[in-house]
C-alpha atoms as a PDB file:
ATOM      1  CA  MET A   1      91.180 -92.062 -19.626  1.00  0.00           C
ATOM      2  CA  SER A   2      88.053 -91.590 -18.458  1.00  0.00           C
ATOM      3  CA  GLU A   3      84.816 -89.899 -19.845  1.00  0.00           C
ATOM      4  CA  ARG A   4      85.421 -87.075 -18.062  1.00  0.00           C
ATOM      5  CA  ASP A   5      88.913 -86.514 -18.885  1.00  0.00           C
ATOM      6  CA  LEU A   6      87.582 -86.704 -22.676  1.00  0.00           C
ATOM      7  CA  LEU A   7      85.192 -84.574 -22.403  1.00  0.00           C
ATOM      8  CA  ILE A   8      87.639 -81.952 -20.626  1.00  0.00           C
ATOM      9  CA  GLU A   9      89.989 -83.005 -23.437  1.00  0.00           C
ATOM     10  CA  ARG A  10      87.596 -82.271 -26.174  1.00  0.00           C
ATOM     11  CA  LEU A  11      86.249 -79.068 -24.661  1.00  0.00           C
ATOM     12  CA  GLU A  12      89.834 -77.792 -24.346  1.00  0.00           C
ATOM     13  CA  LYS A  13      90.500 -78.378 -27.790  1.00  0.00           C
ATOM     14  CA  LYS A  14      87.283 -76.180 -28.566  1.00  0.00           C
ATOM     15  CA  LEU A  15      88.339 -73.485 -26.845  1.00  0.00           C
ATOM     16  CA  ALA A  16      91.672 -73.243 -28.079  1.00  0.00           C
ATOM     17  CA  GLU A  17      89.993 -73.458 -31.241  1.00  0.00           C
ATOM     18  CA  LYS A  18      87.831 -70.542 -30.267  1.00  0.00           C
ATOM     19  CA  GLU A  19      90.706 -68.358 -29.209  1.00  0.00           C
ATOM     20  CA  ARG A  20      92.780 -68.575 -32.495  1.00  0.00           C
ATOM     21  CA  GLU A  21      89.058 -67.417 -34.212  1.00  0.00           C
ATOM     22  CA  LEU A  22      89.017 -64.669 -32.218  1.00  0.00           C
ATOM     23  CA  ALA A  23      93.130 -63.673 -32.371  1.00  0.00           C
ATOM     24  CA  GLU A  24      92.067 -63.507 -36.142  1.00  0.00           C
ATOM     25  CA  LEU A  25      89.081 -61.641 -36.272  1.00  0.00           C
ATOM     26  CA  LYS A  26      90.917 -59.220 -34.056  1.00  0.00           C
ATOM     27  CA  LYS A  27      93.696 -58.831 -36.511  1.00  0.00           C
ATOM     28  CA  MET A  28      91.032 -58.552 -39.333  1.00  0.00           C
ATOM     29  CA  THR A  29      89.188 -55.576 -37.475  1.00  0.00           C
ATOM     30  CA  TYR A  30      90.628 -52.280 -36.811  1.00  0.00           C
ATOM     31  CA  SER A  31      91.831 -50.778 -33.317  1.00  0.00           C
ATOM     32  CA  ARG A  32      89.958 -47.827 -31.956  1.00  0.00           C
ATOM     33  CA  GLU A  33      92.395 -45.511 -33.098  1.00  0.00           C
ATOM     34  CA  ASP A  34      92.315 -46.904 -36.522  1.00  0.00           C
ATOM     35  CA  PHE A  35      88.429 -46.490 -36.809  1.00  0.00           C
ATOM     36  CA  GLU A  36      89.396 -42.238 -35.376  1.00  0.00           C
ATOM     37  CA  ARG A  37      91.502 -41.672 -37.905  1.00  0.00           C
ATOM     38  CA  ILE A  38      89.273 -43.070 -40.806  1.00  0.00           C
ATOM     39  CA  LYS A  39      86.337 -41.101 -39.369  1.00  0.00           C
ATOM     40  CA  GLU A  40      88.403 -37.853 -39.511  1.00  0.00           C
ATOM     41  CA  GLU A  41      89.279 -38.687 -42.731  1.00  0.00           C
ATOM     42  CA  ILE A  42      85.885 -39.141 -43.868  1.00  0.00           C
ATOM     43  CA  ILE A  43      84.574 -36.209 -42.511  1.00  0.00           C
ATOM     44  CA  SER A  44      87.637 -33.751 -43.858  1.00  0.00           C
ATOM     45  CA  GLN A  45      86.652 -34.994 -46.839  1.00  0.00           C
ATOM     46  CA  ILE A  46      83.176 -34.239 -46.470  1.00  0.00           C
ATOM     47  CA  ARG A  47      84.107 -30.527 -45.273  1.00  0.00           C
ATOM     48  CA  ALA A  48      86.483 -29.960 -48.574  1.00  0.00           C
ATOM     49  CA  GLU A  49      83.204 -30.911 -50.696  1.00  0.00           C
ATOM     50  CA  ILE A  50      80.574 -28.744 -48.543  1.00  0.00           C
ATOM     51  CA  PRO A  51      81.649 -25.458 -49.527  1.00  0.00           C
ATOM     52  CA  ASP A  52      81.708 -26.228 -53.262  1.00  0.00           C
ATOM     53  CA  ALA A  53      78.265 -27.516 -52.827  1.00  0.00           C
ATOM     54  CA  SER A  54      76.862 -24.698 -50.590  1.00  0.00           C
ATOM     55  CA  GLN A  55      78.174 -22.272 -53.617  1.00  0.00           C
ATOM     56  CA  LYS A  56      76.305 -23.963 -55.442  1.00  0.00           C
ATOM     57  CA  ILE A  57      73.070 -24.869 -53.664  1.00  0.00           C
ATOM     58  CA  SER A  58      73.054 -20.713 -53.361  1.00  0.00           C
ATOM     59  CA  GLU A  59      73.329 -20.087 -56.820  1.00  0.00           C
ATOM     60  CA  LEU A  60      70.609 -22.852 -57.852  1.00  0.00           C
ATOM     61  CA  GLU A  61      68.118 -20.689 -55.064  1.00  0.00           C
ATOM     62  CA  SER A  62      69.255 -17.458 -56.375  1.00  0.00           C
ATOM     63  CA  LYS A  63      68.398 -18.523 -60.094  1.00  0.00           C
ATOM     64  CA  ILE A  64      65.071 -19.934 -59.263  1.00  0.00           C
ATOM     65  CA  VAL A  65      64.002 -16.425 -57.288  1.00  0.00           C
ATOM     66  CA  GLU A  66      65.164 -14.844 -60.687  1.00  0.00           C
ATOM     67  CA  LEU A  67      62.868 -17.504 -62.924  1.00  0.00           C
ATOM     68  CA  ARG A  68      59.723 -16.619 -60.425  1.00  0.00           C
ATOM     69  CA  ARG A  69      60.183 -13.125 -60.753  1.00  0.00           C
ATOM     70  CA  ALA A  70      60.448 -13.704 -64.654  1.00  0.00           C
ATOM     71  CA  VAL A  71      57.513 -15.986 -64.699  1.00  0.00           C
ATOM     72  CA  GLU A  72      55.324 -13.639 -62.492  1.00  0.00           C
ATOM     73  CA  SER A  73      56.576 -10.508 -65.056  1.00  0.00           C
ATOM     74  CA  VAL A  74      55.478 -12.720 -67.713  1.00  0.00           C
ATOM     75  CA  ILE A  75      52.077 -13.715 -66.183  1.00  0.00           C
ATOM     76  CA  ASN A  76      51.096  -9.821 -65.582  1.00  0.00           C
ATOM     77  CA  GLU A  77      52.219  -9.246 -68.630  1.00  0.00           C
ATOM     78  CA  VAL A  78      49.816 -12.155 -70.040  1.00  0.00           C
ATOM     79  CA  ALA A  79      46.842 -10.704 -67.781  1.00  0.00           C
ATOM     80  CA  TYR A  80      46.846  -6.762 -69.044  1.00  0.00           C
ATOM     81  CA  ILE A  81      47.202  -7.845 -72.336  1.00  0.00           C
ATOM     82  CA  LYS A  82      44.352 -10.352 -72.100  1.00  0.00           C
ATOM     83  CA  GLY A  83      42.236  -7.089 -70.124  1.00  0.00           C
ATOM     84  CA  GLU A  84      43.006  -5.011 -73.559  1.00  0.00           C
ATOM     85  CA  ILE A  85      42.254  -7.916 -75.552  1.00  0.00           C
ATOM     86  CA  LYS A  86      38.584  -8.331 -73.613  1.00  0.00           C
ATOM     87  CA  SER A  87      38.221  -4.230 -73.769  1.00  0.00           C
ATOM     88  CA  LEU A  88      39.107  -4.286 -77.660  1.00  0.00           C
ATOM     89  CA  ILE A  89      36.408  -6.864 -77.848  1.00  0.00           C
ATOM     90  CA  GLU A  90      33.665  -5.149 -76.003  1.00  0.00           C
ATOM     91  CA  LYS A  91      34.231  -1.972 -77.817  1.00  0.00           C
ATOM     92  CA  GLU A  92      34.006  -3.168 -81.342  1.00  0.00           C
ATOM     93  CA  GLU A  93      30.967  -5.316 -79.653  1.00  0.00           C
ATOM     94  CA  SER A  94      29.086  -1.945 -78.817  1.00  0.00           C
ATOM     95  CA  ALA A  95      30.363  -0.394 -81.670  1.00  0.00           C
ATOM     96  CA  GLU A  96      28.867  -2.847 -84.162  1.00  0.00           C
ATOM     97  CA  LYS A  97      25.309  -3.091 -81.730  1.00  0.00           C
ATOM     98  CA  VAL A  98      25.378   1.079 -82.025  1.00  0.00           C
ATOM     99  CA  GLN A  99      25.852   0.571 -85.972  1.00  0.00           C
ATOM    100  CA  THR A 100      23.371  -1.820 -86.271  1.00  0.00           C
ATOM    101  CA  GLU A 101      20.563   0.092 -84.350  1.00  0.00           C
ATOM    102  CA  GLU A 102      21.258   3.715 -85.974  1.00  0.00           C
ATOM    103  CA  ARG A 103      22.166   2.056 -89.740  1.00  0.00           C
ATOM    104  CA  VAL A 104      20.375   4.476 -92.291  1.00  0.00           C
ATOM    105  CA  VAL A 105      20.808   4.753 -95.540  1.00  0.00           C
ATOM    106  CA  TYR A 106      20.981   8.095 -97.737  1.00  0.00           C
ATOM    107  CA  VAL A 107      18.610   8.273-100.913  1.00  0.00           C
ATOM    108  CA  PRO A 108      19.884  10.889-103.200  1.00  0.00           C
ATOM    109  CA  GLN A 109      17.058  13.220-104.678  1.00  0.00           C
ATOM    110  CA  HIS A 110      16.497  12.811-108.163  1.00  0.00           C
ATOM    111  CA  GLN A 111      16.078  16.239-109.805  1.00  0.00           C
ATOM    112  CA  GLY A 112      12.587  17.809-109.722  1.00  0.00           C
ATOM    113  CA  GLU A 113      11.800  15.341-106.718  1.00  0.00           C
ATOM    114  CA  GLY A 114      11.312  17.552-103.278  1.00  0.00           C
ATOM    115  CA  ASN A 115      10.849  14.195-101.195  1.00  0.00           C
ATOM    116  CA  LYS A 116      11.222  14.834 -97.423  1.00  0.00           C
ATOM    117  CA  GLU A 117      12.173  10.660 -97.214  1.00  0.00           C
ATOM    118  CA  ASP A 118      15.759  11.234 -98.270  1.00  0.00           C
ATOM    119  CA  LEU A 119      16.921   9.099 -95.539  1.00  0.00           C
ATOM    120  CA  ILE A 120      14.903   5.951 -94.993  1.00  0.00           C
ATOM    121  CA  ASP A 121      15.558   3.891 -91.864  1.00  0.00           C
ATOM    122  CA  THR A 122      15.993   0.304 -92.742  1.00  0.00           C
ATOM    123  CA  GLU A 123      15.136  -0.252 -88.946  1.00  0.00           C
ATOM    124  CA  ARG A 124      11.764   0.908 -89.731  1.00  0.00           C
ATOM    125  CA  LYS A 125      10.955  -1.281 -92.647  1.00  0.00           C
ATOM    126  CA  GLU A 126      10.985  -4.137 -90.930  1.00  0.00           C
ATOM    127  CA  LYS A 127       8.898  -4.005 -87.759  1.00  0.00           C
ATOM    128  CA  PRO A 128       8.836  -6.709 -85.472  1.00  0.00           C
ATOM    129  CA  LYS A 129       5.761  -7.812 -83.846  1.00  0.00           C
ATOM    130  CA  GLY A 130       4.680  -6.092 -80.369  1.00  0.00           C
ATOM    131  CA  GLU A 131       6.622  -2.802 -82.257  1.00  0.00           C
ATOM    132  CA  GLU A 132       4.707   0.253 -82.606  1.00  0.00           C
ATOM    133  CA  GLU A 133       6.102   3.315 -84.300  1.00  0.00           C
ATOM    134  CA  ASP A 134       4.677   6.663 -82.569  1.00  0.00           C
ATOM    135  CA  GLU A 135       4.586   9.605 -84.551  1.00  0.00           C
ATOM    136  CA  ASP A 136       7.547  11.263 -84.368  1.00  0.00           C
ATOM    137  CA  GLY A 137       9.159   8.052 -85.860  1.00  0.00           C
ATOM    138  CA  ILE A 138      10.299   6.636 -82.393  1.00  0.00           C
ATOM    139  CA  ILE A 139      10.020   3.133 -82.065  1.00  0.00           C
ATOM    140  CA  ILE A 140       8.281   1.611 -78.886  1.00  0.00           C
ATOM    141  CA  CYS A 141       8.807  -2.195 -77.658  1.00  0.00           C
ATOM    142  CA  ASP A 142       6.894  -3.874 -75.079  1.00  0.00           C
END
C-alpha cells in the first residue's frame, strides 16, 4: 500500500468515528417537536402560576396604599398636636411674662394706719440703671 492509501484509510476511519459521535449526539438531543412540547408545558405552568401572583401583587399594592394613608394621617395628627403644644407653650410663656411684669403684692392695712401705699409694686423697688420713674408711677426705659 502506498502512503496515499494509508492516509485515505485513516481519514475514512476518522470520518466514521465522527459520524458515530454525531449520531449519538442526535440521540441525546431532543427533536424540534420535543422542544416545542417542553416549551408549551413550561408556558402553561407559568400561566397557571401568574393569576395567583398577580392577585397577590394587587393585594400587596392595596395594603401599601392603606399603609401610606395611615402614615399620612398619623403625620398630620402629630403636626396638629405639635402646633397645639407650641401654642400652649407660647400662651404659658406670655402669661408668665405678664405675671412678672405686673406682680403686685398686697400689704394689708393695720388698724389706725391710713397709708395710701397699700399696694407695693415689687418691680418699682428694684430699678435698673437707665430707668426713671414718672410722677404718675410709670416707669420709663431709655
